[in-house]
Amino acid sequence: MVLETGRHPGDLKDAVCTPGGTTIAGVT
């Protein structure tokens, strides 16, 4: 995803982090 979309890794990370969801809990 990083190589082929050219998007910033932080932007791609944010896209997975649903508010109050499992991913943001893990990131925290």
mmCIF file of all heavy atoms, coordinates in Angstrom:
data_MODEL
# 
_entry.id   MODEL 
# 
loop_
_atom_site.group_PDB 
_atom_site.id 
_atom_site.type_symbol 
_atom_site.label_atom_id 
_atom_site.label_alt_id 
_atom_site.label_comp_id 
_atom_site.label_asym_id 
_atom_site.label_entity_id 
_atom_site.label_seq_id 
_atom_site.pdbx_PDB_ins_code 
_atom_site.Cartn_x 
_atom_site.Cartn_y 
_atom_site.Cartn_z 
_atom_site.occupancy 
_atom_site.B_iso_or_equiv 
_atom_site.pdbx_formal_charge 
_atom_site.auth_seq_id 
_atom_site.auth_comp_id 
_atom_site.auth_asym_id 
_atom_site.auth_atom_id 
_atom_site.pdbx_PDB_model_num 
ATOM 1   N N   . MET A 1 1  ? 0.828   -1.206 0.000  1.00 0.00 ? 1  MET A N   1 
ATOM 2   C CA  . MET A 1 1  ? 0.000   0.000  0.000  1.00 0.00 ? 1  MET A CA  1 
ATOM 3   C C   . MET A 1 1  ? 0.865   1.260  0.000  1.00 0.00 ? 1  MET A C   1 
ATOM 4   O O   . MET A 1 1  ? 0.594   2.224  -0.729 1.00 0.00 ? 1  MET A O   1 
ATOM 5   C CB  . MET A 1 1  ? -0.906  0.000  1.225  1.00 0.00 ? 1  MET A CB  1 
ATOM 6   C CG  . MET A 1 1  ? -2.071  -0.960 1.157  1.00 0.00 ? 1  MET A CG  1 
ATOM 7   S SD  . MET A 1 1  ? -3.417  -0.363 0.114  1.00 0.00 ? 1  MET A SD  1 
ATOM 8   C CE  . MET A 1 1  ? -4.162  0.869  1.197  1.00 0.00 ? 1  MET A CE  1 
ATOM 9   N N   . VAL A 1 2  ? 1.924   1.269  0.805  1.00 0.00 ? 2  VAL A N   1 
ATOM 10  C CA  . VAL A 1 2  ? 2.824   2.423  0.839  1.00 0.00 ? 2  VAL A CA  1 
ATOM 11  C C   . VAL A 1 2  ? 3.491   2.619  -0.517 1.00 0.00 ? 2  VAL A C   1 
ATOM 12  O O   . VAL A 1 2  ? 3.546   3.736  -1.054 1.00 0.00 ? 2  VAL A O   1 
ATOM 13  C CB  . VAL A 1 2  ? 3.901   2.239  1.942  1.00 0.00 ? 2  VAL A CB  1 
ATOM 14  C CG1 . VAL A 1 2  ? 4.948   3.351  1.863  1.00 0.00 ? 2  VAL A CG1 1 
ATOM 15  C CG2 . VAL A 1 2  ? 3.252   2.236  3.323  1.00 0.00 ? 2  VAL A CG2 1 
ATOM 16  N N   . LEU A 1 3  ? 3.992   1.540  -1.113 1.00 0.00 ? 3  LEU A N   1 
ATOM 17  C CA  . LEU A 1 3  ? 4.730   1.633  -2.366 1.00 0.00 ? 3  LEU A CA  1 
ATOM 18  C C   . LEU A 1 3  ? 3.838   2.000  -3.548 1.00 0.00 ? 3  LEU A C   1 
ATOM 19  O O   . LEU A 1 3  ? 4.243   2.771  -4.422 1.00 0.00 ? 3  LEU A O   1 
ATOM 20  C CB  . LEU A 1 3  ? 5.440   0.301  -2.656 1.00 0.00 ? 3  LEU A CB  1 
ATOM 21  C CG  . LEU A 1 3  ? 6.595   -0.062 -1.709 1.00 0.00 ? 3  LEU A CG  1 
ATOM 22  C CD1 . LEU A 1 3  ? 7.060   -1.493 -1.978 1.00 0.00 ? 3  LEU A CD1 1 
ATOM 23  C CD2 . LEU A 1 3  ? 7.758   0.906  -1.883 1.00 0.00 ? 3  LEU A CD2 1 
ATOM 24  N N   . GLU A 1 4  ? 2.647   1.445  -3.589 1.00 0.00 ? 4  GLU A N   1 
ATOM 25  C CA  . GLU A 1 4  ? 1.822   1.604  -4.786 1.00 0.00 ? 4  GLU A CA  1 
ATOM 26  C C   . GLU A 1 4  ? 0.855   2.773  -4.736 1.00 0.00 ? 4  GLU A C   1 
ATOM 27  O O   . GLU A 1 4  ? 0.451   3.274  -5.787 1.00 0.00 ? 4  GLU A O   1 
ATOM 28  C CB  . GLU A 1 4  ? 1.061   0.304  -5.065 1.00 0.00 ? 4  GLU A CB  1 
ATOM 29  C CG  . GLU A 1 4  ? 1.999   -0.852 -5.411 1.00 0.00 ? 4  GLU A CG  1 
ATOM 30  C CD  . GLU A 1 4  ? 1.269   -2.061 -5.963 1.00 0.00 ? 4  GLU A CD  1 
ATOM 31  O OE1 . GLU A 1 4  ? 0.034   -1.999 -6.140 1.00 0.00 ? 4  GLU A OE1 1 
ATOM 32  O OE2 . GLU A 1 4  ? 1.956   -3.074 -6.209 1.00 0.00 ? 4  GLU A OE2 1 
ATOM 33  N N   . THR A 1 5  ? 0.485   3.224  -3.533 1.00 0.00 ? 5  THR A N   1 
ATOM 34  C CA  . THR A 1 5  ? -0.437  4.368  -3.470 1.00 0.00 ? 5  THR A CA  1 
ATOM 35  C C   . THR A 1 5  ? 0.298   5.697  -3.398 1.00 0.00 ? 5  THR A C   1 
ATOM 36  O O   . THR A 1 5  ? -0.251  6.732  -3.772 1.00 0.00 ? 5  THR A O   1 
ATOM 37  C CB  . THR A 1 5  ? -1.366  4.276  -2.245 1.00 0.00 ? 5  THR A CB  1 
ATOM 38  O OG1 . THR A 1 5  ? -0.594  4.422  -1.042 1.00 0.00 ? 5  THR A OG1 1 
ATOM 39  C CG2 . THR A 1 5  ? -2.113  2.948  -2.230 1.00 0.00 ? 5  THR A CG2 1 
ATOM 40  N N   . GLY A 1 6  ? 1.539   5.669  -2.888 1.00 0.00 ? 6  GLY A N   1 
ATOM 41  C CA  . GLY A 1 6  ? 2.286   6.912  -2.724 1.00 0.00 ? 6  GLY A CA  1 
ATOM 42  C C   . GLY A 1 6  ? 1.792   7.751  -1.562 1.00 0.00 ? 6  GLY A C   1 
ATOM 43  O O   . GLY A 1 6  ? 2.252   8.882  -1.360 1.00 0.00 ? 6  GLY A O   1 
ATOM 44  N N   . ARG A 1 7  ? 0.850   7.232  -0.776 1.00 0.00 ? 7  ARG A N   1 
ATOM 45  C CA  . ARG A 1 7  ? 0.315   7.987  0.363  1.00 0.00 ? 7  ARG A CA  1 
ATOM 46  C C   . ARG A 1 7  ? 1.267   7.908  1.554  1.00 0.00 ? 7  ARG A C   1 
ATOM 47  O O   . ARG A 1 7  ? 2.017   6.944  1.697  1.00 0.00 ? 7  ARG A O   1 
ATOM 48  C CB  . ARG A 1 7  ? -1.063  7.447  0.748  1.00 0.00 ? 7  ARG A CB  1 
ATOM 49  C CG  . ARG A 1 7  ? -2.127  7.703  -0.310 1.00 0.00 ? 7  ARG A CG  1 
ATOM 50  C CD  . ARG A 1 7  ? -3.408  6.934  -0.030 1.00 0.00 ? 7  ARG A CD  1 
ATOM 51  N NE  . ARG A 1 7  ? -4.046  7.333  1.237  1.00 0.00 ? 7  ARG A NE  1 
ATOM 52  C CZ  . ARG A 1 7  ? -5.143  6.752  1.718  1.00 0.00 ? 7  ARG A CZ  1 
ATOM 53  N NH1 . ARG A 1 7  ? -5.707  5.742  1.040  1.00 0.00 ? 7  ARG A NH1 1 
ATOM 54  N NH2 . ARG A 1 7  ? -5.672  7.171  2.860  1.00 0.00 ? 7  ARG A NH2 1 
ATOM 55  N N   . HIS A 1 8  ? 1.234   8.917  2.396  1.00 0.00 ? 8  HIS A N   1 
ATOM 56  C CA  . HIS A 1 8  ? 2.075   8.950  3.589  1.00 0.00 ? 8  HIS A CA  1 
ATOM 57  C C   . HIS A 1 8  ? 1.671   7.806  4.514  1.00 0.00 ? 8  HIS A C   1 
ATOM 58  O O   . HIS A 1 8  ? 0.470   7.539  4.695  1.00 0.00 ? 8  HIS A O   1 
ATOM 59  C CB  . HIS A 1 8  ? 1.903   10.288 4.306  1.00 0.00 ? 8  HIS A CB  1 
ATOM 60  C CG  . HIS A 1 8  ? 2.879   10.522 5.399  1.00 0.00 ? 8  HIS A CG  1 
ATOM 61  N ND1 . HIS A 1 8  ? 2.774   9.919  6.633  1.00 0.00 ? 8  HIS A ND1 1 
ATOM 62  C CD2 . HIS A 1 8  ? 3.996   11.302 5.456  1.00 0.00 ? 8  HIS A CD2 1 
ATOM 63  C CE1 . HIS A 1 8  ? 3.777   10.309 7.402  1.00 0.00 ? 8  HIS A CE1 1 
ATOM 64  N NE2 . HIS A 1 8  ? 4.537   11.146 6.707  1.00 0.00 ? 8  HIS A NE2 1 
ATOM 65  N N   . PRO A 1 9  ? 2.645   7.100  5.113  1.00 0.00 ? 9  PRO A N   1 
ATOM 66  C CA  . PRO A 1 9  ? 2.286   6.002  6.025  1.00 0.00 ? 9  PRO A CA  1 
ATOM 67  C C   . PRO A 1 9  ? 1.356   6.430  7.155  1.00 0.00 ? 9  PRO A C   1 
ATOM 68  O O   . PRO A 1 9  ? 0.467   5.660  7.557  1.00 0.00 ? 9  PRO A O   1 
ATOM 69  C CB  . PRO A 1 9  ? 3.646   5.563  6.578  1.00 0.00 ? 9  PRO A CB  1 
ATOM 70  C CG  . PRO A 1 9  ? 4.631   5.944  5.521  1.00 0.00 ? 9  PRO A CG  1 
ATOM 71  C CD  . PRO A 1 9  ? 4.104   7.203  4.909  1.00 0.00 ? 9  PRO A CD  1 
ATOM 72  N N   . GLY A 1 10 ? 1.527   7.647  7.660  1.00 0.00 ? 10 GLY A N   1 
ATOM 73  C CA  . GLY A 1 10 ? 0.640   8.135  8.713  1.00 0.00 ? 10 GLY A CA  1 
ATOM 74  C C   . GLY A 1 10 ? -0.790  8.276  8.227  1.00 0.00 ? 10 GLY A C   1 
ATOM 75  O O   . GLY A 1 10 ? -1.749  8.000  8.969  1.00 0.00 ? 10 GLY A O   1 
ATOM 76  N N   . ASP A 1 11 ? -0.955  8.700  6.980  1.00 0.00 ? 11 ASP A N   1 
ATOM 77  C CA  . ASP A 1 11 ? -2.291  8.836  6.388  1.00 0.00 ? 11 ASP A CA  1 
ATOM 78  C C   . ASP A 1 11 ? -2.948  7.465  6.250  1.00 0.00 ? 11 ASP A C   1 
ATOM 79  O O   . ASP A 1 11 ? -4.145  7.291  6.552  1.00 0.00 ? 11 ASP A O   1 
ATOM 80  C CB  . ASP A 1 11 ? -2.164  9.528  5.030  1.00 0.00 ? 11 ASP A CB  1 
ATOM 81  C CG  . ASP A 1 11 ? -3.501  9.728  4.343  1.00 0.00 ? 11 ASP A CG  1 
ATOM 82  O OD1 . ASP A 1 11 ? -4.502  9.959  5.044  1.00 0.00 ? 11 ASP A OD1 1 
ATOM 83  O OD2 . ASP A 1 11 ? -3.549  9.650  3.094  1.00 0.00 ? 11 ASP A OD2 1 
ATOM 84  N N   . LEU A 1 12 ? -2.161  6.471  5.803  1.00 0.00 ? 12 LEU A N   1 
ATOM 85  C CA  . LEU A 1 12 ? -2.700  5.119  5.664  1.00 0.00 ? 12 LEU A CA  1 
ATOM 86  C C   . LEU A 1 12 ? -3.061  4.534  7.032  1.00 0.00 ? 12 LEU A C   1 
ATOM 87  O O   . LEU A 1 12 ? -4.064  3.829  7.166  1.00 0.00 ? 12 LEU A O   1 
ATOM 88  C CB  . LEU A 1 12 ? -1.671  4.219  4.961  1.00 0.00 ? 12 LEU A CB  1 
ATOM 89  C CG  . LEU A 1 12 ? -1.420  4.543  3.485  1.00 0.00 ? 12 LEU A CG  1 
ATOM 90  C CD1 . LEU A 1 12 ? -0.215  3.783  2.958  1.00 0.00 ? 12 LEU A CD1 1 
ATOM 91  C CD2 . LEU A 1 12 ? -2.651  4.220  2.644  1.00 0.00 ? 12 LEU A CD2 1 
ATOM 92  N N   . LYS A 1 13 ? -2.242  4.837  8.033  1.00 0.00 ? 13 LYS A N   1 
ATOM 93  C CA  . LYS A 1 13 ? -2.546  4.383  9.394  1.00 0.00 ? 13 LYS A CA  1 
ATOM 94  C C   . LYS A 1 13 ? -3.853  4.999  9.880  1.00 0.00 ? 13 LYS A C   1 
ATOM 95  O O   . LYS A 1 13 ? -4.715  4.298  10.437 1.00 0.00 ? 13 LYS A O   1 
ATOM 96  C CB  . LYS A 1 13 ? -1.395  4.758  10.332 1.00 0.00 ? 13 LYS A CB  1 
ATOM 97  C CG  . LYS A 1 13 ? -1.569  4.384  11.790 1.00 0.00 ? 13 LYS A CG  1 
ATOM 98  C CD  . LYS A 1 13 ? -2.099  5.555  12.614 1.00 0.00 ? 13 LYS A CD  1 
ATOM 99  C CE  . LYS A 1 13 ? -1.088  6.685  12.709 1.00 0.00 ? 13 LYS A CE  1 
ATOM 100 N NZ  . LYS A 1 13 ? -1.607  7.844  13.481 1.00 0.00 ? 13 LYS A NZ  1 
ATOM 101 N N   . ASP A 1 14 ? -4.026  6.315  9.664  1.00 0.00 ? 14 ASP A N   1 
ATOM 102 C CA  . ASP A 1 14 ? -5.249  6.995  10.105 1.00 0.00 ? 14 ASP A CA  1 
ATOM 103 C C   . ASP A 1 14 ? -6.487  6.410  9.449  1.00 0.00 ? 14 ASP A C   1 
ATOM 104 O O   . ASP A 1 14 ? -7.563  6.351  10.062 1.00 0.00 ? 14 ASP A O   1 
ATOM 105 C CB  . ASP A 1 14 ? -5.159  8.490  9.796  1.00 0.00 ? 14 ASP A CB  1 
ATOM 106 C CG  . ASP A 1 14 ? -4.164  9.216  10.685 1.00 0.00 ? 14 ASP A CG  1 
ATOM 107 O OD1 . ASP A 1 14 ? -3.717  8.612  11.682 1.00 0.00 ? 14 ASP A OD1 1 
ATOM 108 O OD2 . ASP A 1 14 ? -3.832  10.378 10.373 1.00 0.00 ? 14 ASP A OD2 1 
ATOM 109 N N   . ALA A 1 15 ? -6.336  5.963  8.197  1.00 0.00 ? 15 ALA A N   1 
ATOM 110 C CA  . ALA A 1 15 ? -7.482  5.421  7.469  1.00 0.00 ? 15 ALA A CA  1 
ATOM 111 C C   . ALA A 1 15 ? -8.000  4.121  8.086  1.00 0.00 ? 15 ALA A C   1 
ATOM 112 O O   . ALA A 1 15 ? -9.155  3.741  7.872  1.00 0.00 ? 15 ALA A O   1 
ATOM 113 C CB  . ALA A 1 15 ? -7.110  5.189  6.004  1.00 0.00 ? 15 ALA A CB  1 
ATOM 114 N N   . VAL A 1 16 ? -7.148  3.431  8.838  1.00 0.00 ? 16 VAL A N   1 
ATOM 115 C CA  . VAL A 1 16 ? -7.561  2.179  9.478  1.00 0.00 ? 16 VAL A CA  1 
ATOM 116 C C   . VAL A 1 16 ? -8.140  2.422  10.875 1.00 0.00 ? 16 VAL A C   1 
ATOM 117 O O   . VAL A 1 16 ? -8.835  1.579  11.441 1.00 0.00 ? 16 VAL A O   1 
ATOM 118 C CB  . VAL A 1 16 ? -6.362  1.204  9.575  1.00 0.00 ? 16 VAL A CB  1 
ATOM 119 C CG1 . VAL A 1 16 ? -6.811  -0.181 10.029 1.00 0.00 ? 16 VAL A CG1 1 
ATOM 120 C CG2 . VAL A 1 16 ? -5.643  1.081  8.235  1.00 0.00 ? 16 VAL A CG2 1 
ATOM 121 N N   . CYS A 1 17 ? -7.860  3.606  11.429 1.00 0.00 ? 17 CYS A N   1 
ATOM 122 C CA  . CYS A 1 17 ? -8.227  3.895  12.820 1.00 0.00 ? 17 CYS A CA  1 
ATOM 123 C C   . CYS A 1 17 ? -9.652  4.452  12.943 1.00 0.00 ? 17 CYS A C   1 
ATOM 124 O O   . CYS A 1 17 ? -9.863  5.672  12.992 1.00 0.00 ? 17 CYS A O   1 
ATOM 125 C CB  . CYS A 1 17 ? -7.225  4.874  13.428 1.00 0.00 ? 17 CYS A CB  1 
ATOM 126 S SG  . CYS A 1 17 ? -5.585  4.178  13.675 1.00 0.00 ? 17 CYS A SG  1 
ATOM 127 N N   . THR A 1 18 ? -10.627 3.571  13.012 1.00 0.00 ? 18 THR A N   1 
ATOM 128 C CA  . THR A 1 18 ? -12.005 3.986  13.255 1.00 0.00 ? 18 THR A CA  1 
ATOM 129 C C   . THR A 1 18 ? -12.114 4.577  14.669 1.00 0.00 ? 18 THR A C   1 
ATOM 130 O O   . THR A 1 18 ? -11.564 4.001  15.617 1.00 0.00 ? 18 THR A O   1 
ATOM 131 C CB  . THR A 1 18 ? -12.946 2.775  13.134 1.00 0.00 ? 18 THR A CB  1 
ATOM 132 O OG1 . THR A 1 18 ? -12.781 2.182  11.850 1.00 0.00 ? 18 THR A OG1 1 
ATOM 133 C CG2 . THR A 1 18 ? -14.400 3.191  13.331 1.00 0.00 ? 18 THR A CG2 1 
ATOM 134 N N   . PRO A 1 19 ? -12.795 5.703  14.815 1.00 0.00 ? 19 PRO A N   1 
ATOM 135 C CA  . PRO A 1 19 ? -12.943 6.295  16.155 1.00 0.00 ? 19 PRO A CA  1 
ATOM 136 C C   . PRO A 1 19 ? -13.500 5.293  17.165 1.00 0.00 ? 19 PRO A C   1 
ATOM 137 O O   . PRO A 1 19 ? -14.542 4.658  16.929 1.00 0.00 ? 19 PRO A O   1 
ATOM 138 C CB  . PRO A 1 19 ? -13.930 7.449  15.921 1.00 0.00 ? 19 PRO A CB  1 
ATOM 139 C CG  . PRO A 1 19 ? -13.672 7.851  14.496 1.00 0.00 ? 19 PRO A CG  1 
ATOM 140 C CD  . PRO A 1 19 ? -13.393 6.565  13.775 1.00 0.00 ? 19 PRO A CD  1 
ATOM 141 N N   . GLY A 1 20 ? -12.784 5.133  18.278 1.00 0.00 ? 20 GLY A N   1 
ATOM 142 C CA  . GLY A 1 20 ? -13.226 4.216  19.317 1.00 0.00 ? 20 GLY A CA  1 
ATOM 143 C C   . GLY A 1 20 ? -13.083 2.748  18.972 1.00 0.00 ? 20 GLY A C   1 
ATOM 144 O O   . GLY A 1 20 ? -13.607 1.897  19.685 1.00 0.00 ? 20 GLY A O   1 
ATOM 145 N N   . GLY A 1 21 ? -12.374 2.452  17.873 1.00 0.00 ? 21 GLY A N   1 
ATOM 146 C CA  . GLY A 1 21 ? -12.294 1.065  17.421 1.00 0.00 ? 21 GLY A CA  1 
ATOM 147 C C   . GLY A 1 21 ? -11.078 0.307  17.936 1.00 0.00 ? 21 GLY A C   1 
ATOM 148 O O   . GLY A 1 21 ? -10.320 0.783  18.780 1.00 0.00 ? 21 GLY A O   1 
ATOM 149 N N   . THR A 1 22 ? -10.883 -0.884 17.387 1.00 0.00 ? 22 THR A N   1 
ATOM 150 C CA  . THR A 1 22 ? -9.796  -1.756 17.844 1.00 0.00 ? 22 THR A CA  1 
ATOM 151 C C   . THR A 1 22 ? -8.421  -1.228 17.431 1.00 0.00 ? 22 THR A C   1 
ATOM 152 O O   . THR A 1 22 ? -7.446  -1.348 18.180 1.00 0.00 ? 22 THR A O   1 
ATOM 153 C CB  . THR A 1 22 ? -9.971  -3.172 17.266 1.00 0.00 ? 22 THR A CB  1 
ATOM 154 O OG1 . THR A 1 22 ? -9.985  -3.103 15.826 1.00 0.00 ? 22 THR A OG1 1 
ATOM 155 C CG2 . THR A 1 22 ? -11.270 -3.797 17.752 1.00 0.00 ? 22 THR A CG2 1 
ATOM 156 N N   . THR A 1 23 ? -8.330  -0.661 16.228 1.00 0.00 ? 23 THR A N   1 
ATOM 157 C CA  . THR A 1 23 ? -7.018  -0.232 15.727 1.00 0.00 ? 23 THR A CA  1 
ATOM 158 C C   . THR A 1 23 ? -6.447  0.910  16.547 1.00 0.00 ? 23 THR A C   1 
ATOM 159 O O   . THR A 1 23 ? -5.267  0.890  16.927 1.00 0.00 ? 23 THR A O   1 
ATOM 160 C CB  . THR A 1 23 ? -7.111  0.192  14.244 1.00 0.00 ? 23 THR A CB  1 
ATOM 161 O OG1 . THR A 1 23 ? -7.714  -0.852 13.489 1.00 0.00 ? 23 THR A OG1 1 
ATOM 162 C CG2 . THR A 1 23 ? -5.728  0.481  13.691 1.00 0.00 ? 23 THR A CG2 1 
ATOM 163 N N   . ILE A 1 24 ? -7.278  1.924  16.855 1.00 0.00 ? 24 ILE A N   1 
ATOM 164 C CA  . ILE A 1 24 ? -6.773  3.058  17.626 1.00 0.00 ? 24 ILE A CA  1 
ATOM 165 C C   . ILE A 1 24 ? -6.408  2.614  19.044 1.00 0.00 ? 24 ILE A C   1 
ATOM 166 O O   . ILE A 1 24 ? -5.471  3.163  19.660 1.00 0.00 ? 24 ILE A O   1 
ATOM 167 C CB  . ILE A 1 24 ? -7.790  4.228  17.645 1.00 0.00 ? 24 ILE A CB  1 
ATOM 168 C CG1 . ILE A 1 24 ? -7.123  5.502  18.178 1.00 0.00 ? 24 ILE A CG1 1 
ATOM 169 C CG2 . ILE A 1 24 ? -9.029  3.860  18.426 1.00 0.00 ? 24 ILE A CG2 1 
ATOM 170 C CD1 . ILE A 1 24 ? -5.946  5.991  17.377 1.00 0.00 ? 24 ILE A CD1 1 
ATOM 171 N N   . ALA A 1 25 ? -7.092  1.598  19.549 1.00 0.00 ? 25 ALA A N   1 
ATOM 172 C CA  . ALA A 1 25 ? -6.731  1.058  20.861 1.00 0.00 ? 25 ALA A CA  1 
ATOM 173 C C   . ALA A 1 25 ? -5.335  0.432  20.804 1.00 0.00 ? 25 ALA A C   1 
ATOM 174 O O   . ALA A 1 25 ? -4.513  0.603  21.717 1.00 0.00 ? 25 ALA A O   1 
ATOM 175 C CB  . ALA A 1 25 ? -7.752  0.030  21.319 1.00 0.00 ? 25 ALA A CB  1 
ATOM 176 N N   . GLY A 1 26 ? -5.074  -0.295 19.715 1.00 0.00 ? 26 GLY A N   1 
ATOM 177 C CA  . GLY A 1 26 ? -3.758  -0.902 19.541 1.00 0.00 ? 26 GLY A CA  1 
ATOM 178 C C   . GLY A 1 26 ? -2.673  0.134  19.320 1.00 0.00 ? 26 GLY A C   1 
ATOM 179 O O   . GLY A 1 26 ? -1.573  0.028  19.868 1.00 0.00 ? 26 GLY A O   1 
ATOM 180 N N   . VAL A 1 27 ? -2.967  1.162  18.503 1.00 0.00 ? 27 VAL A N   1 
ATOM 181 C CA  . VAL A 1 27 ? -2.008  2.231  18.252 1.00 0.00 ? 27 VAL A CA  1 
ATOM 182 C C   . VAL A 1 27 ? -1.662  2.958  19.556 1.00 0.00 ? 27 VAL A C   1 
ATOM 183 O O   . VAL A 1 27 ? -0.501  3.272  19.829 1.00 0.00 ? 27 VAL A O   1 
ATOM 184 C CB  . VAL A 1 27 ? -2.563  3.225  17.206 1.00 0.00 ? 27 VAL A CB  1 
ATOM 185 C CG1 . VAL A 1 27 ? -1.721  4.498  17.160 1.00 0.00 ? 27 VAL A CG1 1 
ATOM 186 C CG2 . VAL A 1 27 ? -2.599  2.566  15.826 1.00 0.00 ? 27 VAL A CG2 1 
ATOM 187 N N   . THR A 1 28 ? -2.679  3.211  20.353 1.00 0.00 ? 28 THR A N   1 
ATOM 188 C CA  . THR A 1 28 ? -2.455  3.872  21.644 1.00 0.00 ? 28 THR A CA  1 
ATOM 189 C C   . THR A 1 28 ? -1.522  3.052  22.532 1.00 0.00 ? 28 THR A C   1 
ATOM 190 O O   . THR A 1 28 ? -0.622  3.592  23.187 1.00 0.00 ? 28 THR A O   1 
ATOM 191 C CB  . THR A 1 28 ? -3.802  4.097  22.368 1.00 0.00 ? 28 THR A CB  1 
ATOM 192 O OG1 . THR A 1 28 ? -4.639  4.927  21.555 1.00 0.00 ? 28 THR A OG1 1 
ATOM 193 C CG2 . THR A 1 28 ? -3.595  4.763  23.716 1.00 0.00 ? 28 THR A CG2 1 
# 
